[in-house]
Amino acid sequence: MADTRTVLTDEPGKREQAKAERRSRIVRAARDLIRETGDTNLSMRMIAKRADVSLATPYNLFGSKHAVVLAVFEDERDFAERFGKLKADNAIDRLFDAHALATSYFTEDPDFYRPLWKALLDVQGANDTGLATPERLARNSRAWEALIHDAQADGLLDPAFPASMLEHTLAFFSNGVMLSWSMGTLATDKLLPSGALGYALALRGAATPKGMAILAGRIHGLQDMLEGSDALPCEAFSLT
């Protein structure tokens, strides 16, 4: 009599592997379609056809096209791992390094990220692809608040200014810059220095004398970058 124990043990693992492979194909198909069409409002039929799966498969694995697009956005993010490898001389430089790293995703692949940011900034989710979920906003806020707390602990920012208030101020600057870029009114080569200058000017109001000295040099450098950025390649925008 054949021993079926190995088959019974391996079968669930194979099913999970096959499911993960189909999920990866669907995410890859959606990513390619977003880049090609410039639109996140994809139909499940388009995604399924590109992924070479049945129409039911994306619904079974994700539930909705909103969830597929959200998975595409998450699939692109290895930010935490890359940020953990960055080295900075002080907490303010670390904050600007985080901004530069985040911005590098967008400048390296603008055709993909512009439509994603349009969906991200669509807080009303009118097209069923709004990505600014409460969970995402809270997670991002906590990460930036931690960087601000570090700068306060290092004596570079005045702790009298609540970190949450400073984080909200930086978010307002960032969202305005990203909105201009996603709508095509801000050139990609000006995205990084525009956002970083907004951060620097906002933080200057909460800086200690020690922090002010760091920010003053950065502000002058960013102004120079913006004045001559028209012909500069993206790799020229290193803030370190």
Protein backbone atom coordinates (compact mmCIF):
# COMPACT_ATOMS: atom_id res chain seq x y z
CA MET A 1 0.00 0.00 0.00
CA ALA A 2 1.40 3.40 -0.99
CA ASP A 3 2.45 5.74 1.80
CA THR A 4 0.37 8.90 1.38
CA ARG A 5 1.76 10.81 4.35
CA THR A 6 4.22 12.87 2.30
CA VAL A 7 1.51 13.79 -0.19
CA LEU A 8 -0.82 14.86 2.61
CA THR A 9 1.93 16.94 4.20
CA ASP A 10 3.16 18.63 1.03
CA GLU A 11 -0.18 19.38 -0.62
CA PRO A 12 -1.14 22.40 1.55
CA GLY A 13 2.33 23.87 1.02
CA LYS A 14 2.02 23.47 -2.73
CA ARG A 15 -1.38 25.12 -2.70
CA GLU A 16 -0.03 28.08 -0.75
CA GLN A 17 2.94 28.35 -3.12
CA ALA A 18 0.62 28.33 -6.12
CA LYS A 19 -1.58 30.96 -4.50
CA ALA A 20 1.44 33.18 -3.80
CA GLU A 21 2.60 32.78 -7.40
CA ARG A 22 -0.83 33.83 -8.74
CA ARG A 23 -0.91 36.76 -6.34
CA SER A 24 2.51 37.90 -7.56
CA ARG A 25 1.39 37.66 -11.19
CA ILE A 26 -1.71 39.73 -10.48
CA VAL A 27 0.27 42.44 -8.66
CA ARG A 28 2.85 42.50 -11.48
CA ALA A 29 0.10 42.73 -14.10
CA ALA A 30 -1.59 45.62 -12.29
CA ARG A 31 1.74 47.43 -11.90
CA ASP A 32 2.46 47.10 -15.63
CA LEU A 33 -1.03 48.29 -16.56
CA ILE A 34 -0.77 51.33 -14.29
CA ARG A 35 2.54 52.27 -15.88
CA GLU A 36 1.18 51.80 -19.41
CA THR A 37 -2.20 53.49 -18.96
CA GLY A 38 -1.39 56.11 -16.31
CA ASP A 39 -4.56 55.08 -14.50
CA THR A 40 -5.19 53.13 -11.28
CA ASN A 41 -8.87 52.68 -12.05
CA LEU A 42 -8.28 49.30 -13.69
CA SER A 43 -10.93 46.71 -14.34
CA MET A 44 -10.55 43.27 -12.82
CA ARG A 45 -11.02 41.83 -16.29
CA MET A 46 -7.98 43.75 -17.59
CA ILE A 47 -5.87 42.64 -14.64
CA ALA A 48 -6.93 39.00 -14.93
CA LYS A 49 -6.25 38.92 -18.67
CA ARG A 50 -2.76 40.42 -18.27
CA ALA A 51 -1.98 38.04 -15.40
CA ASP A 52 -3.32 35.07 -17.40
CA VAL A 53 -5.69 33.97 -14.64
CA SER A 54 -9.44 33.53 -14.48
CA LEU A 55 -11.60 36.55 -13.72
CA ALA A 56 -12.56 35.01 -10.39
CA THR A 57 -8.95 34.69 -9.21
CA PRO A 58 -8.26 38.38 -8.39
CA TYR A 59 -11.54 38.55 -6.47
CA ASN A 60 -10.72 35.36 -4.57
CA LEU A 61 -7.22 36.51 -3.64
CA PHE A 62 -7.81 40.24 -3.07
CA GLY A 63 -11.54 40.88 -2.88
CA SER A 64 -11.61 44.11 -4.90
CA LYS A 65 -9.61 46.18 -7.36
CA HIS A 66 -8.99 48.65 -4.52
CA ALA A 67 -7.15 45.88 -2.67
CA VAL A 68 -5.17 44.98 -5.81
CA VAL A 69 -3.96 48.56 -6.28
CA LEU A 70 -3.13 48.83 -2.58
CA ALA A 71 -1.10 45.61 -2.88
CA VAL A 72 0.76 47.12 -5.85
CA PHE A 73 1.66 50.13 -3.74
CA GLU A 74 2.80 47.99 -0.81
CA ASP A 75 4.70 45.64 -3.11
CA GLU A 76 6.87 48.50 -4.28
CA ARG A 77 7.89 49.57 -0.79
CA ASP A 78 11.12 48.26 0.70
CA PHE A 79 11.64 51.62 2.36
CA ALA A 80 12.28 50.39 5.90
CA GLU A 81 15.04 48.01 4.80
CA ARG A 82 16.77 50.63 2.64
CA PHE A 83 16.40 53.35 5.24
CA GLY A 84 17.94 51.11 7.88
CA LYS A 85 21.15 51.04 5.83
CA LEU A 86 21.48 54.82 5.58
CA LYS A 87 24.08 56.62 7.67
CA ALA A 88 23.66 60.22 8.84
CA ASP A 89 25.78 62.56 10.94
CA ASN A 90 22.83 63.86 12.96
CA ALA A 91 19.07 63.47 13.40
CA ILE A 92 18.17 66.34 11.06
CA ASP A 93 20.27 64.84 8.28
CA ARG A 94 18.57 61.52 8.99
CA LEU A 95 15.17 63.12 8.53
CA PHE A 96 16.19 64.62 5.20
CA ASP A 97 17.77 61.32 4.14
CA ALA A 98 14.41 59.65 4.78
CA HIS A 99 12.71 62.25 2.60
CA ALA A 100 15.31 61.83 -0.15
CA LEU A 101 14.95 58.05 -0.11
CA ALA A 102 11.15 58.23 -0.25
CA THR A 103 11.31 60.70 -3.13
CA SER A 104 13.75 58.54 -5.07
CA TYR A 105 11.00 55.99 -5.72
CA PHE A 106 8.98 58.63 -7.54
CA THR A 107 11.79 60.24 -9.51
CA GLU A 108 13.11 56.87 -10.70
CA ASP A 109 9.74 55.70 -12.07
CA PRO A 110 7.43 58.71 -12.51
CA ASP A 111 5.13 57.03 -15.06
CA PHE A 112 4.21 54.46 -12.42
CA TYR A 113 4.09 56.61 -9.30
CA ARG A 114 2.24 59.64 -10.66
CA PRO A 115 -1.07 57.76 -11.07
CA LEU A 116 -0.52 56.00 -7.74
CA TRP A 117 -0.15 59.35 -6.01
CA LYS A 118 -3.29 60.66 -7.66
CA ALA A 119 -5.08 57.72 -6.08
CA LEU A 120 -3.24 58.20 -2.78
CA LEU A 121 -4.33 61.84 -2.58
CA ASP A 122 -7.91 60.97 -3.53
CA VAL A 123 -9.01 60.84 0.10
CA GLN A 124 -12.66 60.50 -0.89
CA GLY A 125 -11.92 57.38 -2.92
CA ALA A 126 -14.41 58.33 -5.62
CA ASN A 127 -12.85 55.88 -8.08
CA ASP A 128 -12.62 53.02 -5.54
CA THR A 129 -8.83 53.24 -5.47
CA GLY A 130 -8.24 55.86 -2.78
CA LEU A 131 -5.17 54.70 -0.87
CA ALA A 132 -5.06 57.20 1.98
CA THR A 133 -6.50 54.77 4.52
CA PRO A 134 -6.49 55.70 8.23
CA GLU A 135 -4.05 52.87 8.90
CA ARG A 136 -1.61 54.10 6.25
CA LEU A 137 -1.80 57.70 7.46
CA ALA A 138 -1.27 56.67 11.09
CA ARG A 139 1.71 54.45 10.21
CA ASN A 140 3.37 57.20 8.19
CA SER A 141 2.75 59.79 10.90
CA ARG A 142 4.35 57.59 13.56
CA ALA A 143 7.47 57.07 11.44
CA TRP A 144 8.00 60.80 10.84
CA GLU A 145 7.20 61.69 14.44
CA ALA A 146 9.92 59.27 15.56
CA LEU A 147 12.45 61.09 13.36
CA ILE A 148 11.37 64.43 14.83
CA HIS A 149 11.64 63.07 18.38
CA ASP A 150 15.20 61.98 17.60
CA ALA A 151 16.07 65.50 16.45
CA GLN A 152 14.58 66.92 19.63
CA ALA A 153 16.52 64.42 21.75
CA ASP A 154 19.72 65.49 19.98
CA GLY A 155 19.06 69.12 20.85
CA LEU A 156 18.46 70.15 17.23
CA LEU A 157 14.72 70.88 17.48
CA ASP A 158 12.99 72.56 20.42
CA PRO A 159 10.88 69.98 22.32
CA ALA A 160 8.44 72.78 23.20
CA PHE A 161 6.99 72.18 19.73
CA PRO A 162 4.98 68.93 19.81
CA ALA A 163 6.36 66.34 17.39
CA SER A 164 2.84 65.62 16.17
CA MET A 165 2.35 69.28 15.23
CA LEU A 166 5.64 69.38 13.34
CA GLU A 167 4.80 66.12 11.58
CA HIS A 168 1.45 67.52 10.43
CA THR A 169 3.18 70.65 9.12
CA LEU A 170 5.68 68.58 7.13
CA ALA A 171 2.83 66.46 5.79
CA PHE A 172 1.02 69.56 4.54
CA PHE A 173 4.14 70.68 2.66
CA SER A 174 4.73 67.20 1.28
CA ASN A 175 1.16 66.64 0.12
CA GLY A 176 1.10 70.00 -1.65
CA VAL A 177 4.32 69.25 -3.50
CA MET A 178 3.20 65.72 -4.38
CA LEU A 179 -0.16 67.00 -5.61
CA SER A 180 1.57 69.49 -7.92
CA TRP A 181 3.87 66.77 -9.21
CA SER A 182 1.13 64.17 -9.70
CA MET A 183 -0.94 66.71 -11.66
CA GLY A 184 2.05 67.53 -13.88
CA THR A 185 2.57 71.13 -12.74
CA LEU A 186 5.89 70.37 -11.01
CA ALA A 187 8.72 68.82 -13.02
CA THR A 188 10.21 65.59 -11.73
CA ASP A 189 13.68 67.13 -11.45
CA LYS A 190 12.27 69.70 -9.02
CA LEU A 191 10.33 67.27 -6.87
CA LEU A 192 13.05 66.48 -4.34
CA PRO A 193 14.44 70.00 -3.75
CA SER A 194 10.93 71.50 -3.62
CA GLY A 195 9.78 69.11 -0.92
CA ALA A 196 13.04 69.29 1.02
CA LEU A 197 13.01 73.11 0.98
CA GLY A 198 9.51 73.07 2.44
CA TYR A 199 10.69 70.74 5.19
CA ALA A 200 13.73 72.89 5.95
CA LEU A 201 11.75 76.13 6.14
CA ALA A 202 9.13 74.55 8.40
CA LEU A 203 11.71 73.01 10.72
CA ARG A 204 13.70 76.23 10.94
CA GLY A 205 10.92 77.76 13.02
CA ALA A 206 11.30 74.99 15.62
CA ALA A 207 15.09 74.65 15.48
CA THR A 208 17.55 75.30 18.27
CA PRO A 209 20.64 77.38 17.43
CA LYS A 210 22.52 74.13 16.79
CA GLY A 211 19.78 72.88 14.49
CA MET A 212 19.46 76.27 12.81
CA ALA A 213 23.08 76.10 11.68
CA ILE A 214 22.47 72.75 10.00
CA LEU A 215 19.26 73.92 8.34
CA ALA A 216 20.73 77.21 7.11
CA GLY A 217 23.31 75.47 4.97
CA ARG A 218 20.73 73.03 3.67
CA ILE A 219 18.31 75.81 2.72
CA HIS A 220 20.97 77.63 0.70
CA GLY A 221 21.92 74.41 -1.07
CA LEU A 222 18.31 73.60 -1.92
CA GLN A 223 17.72 77.10 -3.28
CA ASP A 224 20.73 76.68 -5.55
CA MET A 225 19.41 73.30 -6.73
CA LEU A 226 16.02 74.75 -7.59
CA GLU A 227 17.49 77.70 -9.46
CA GLY A 228 19.57 75.42 -11.69
CA SER A 229 17.58 72.18 -11.66
CA ASP A 230 16.06 72.27 -15.14
CA ALA A 231 18.88 70.30 -16.75
CA LEU A 232 20.02 68.28 -13.73
CA PRO A 233 19.55 64.50 -13.66
CA CYS A 234 17.77 62.87 -10.72
CA GLU A 235 21.00 61.36 -9.39
CA ALA A 236 22.33 64.87 -8.75
CA PHE A 237 19.82 65.31 -5.93
CA SER A 238 21.81 63.74 -3.11
CA LEU A 239 21.15 65.50 0.16
CA THR A 240 23.92 63.71 2.03
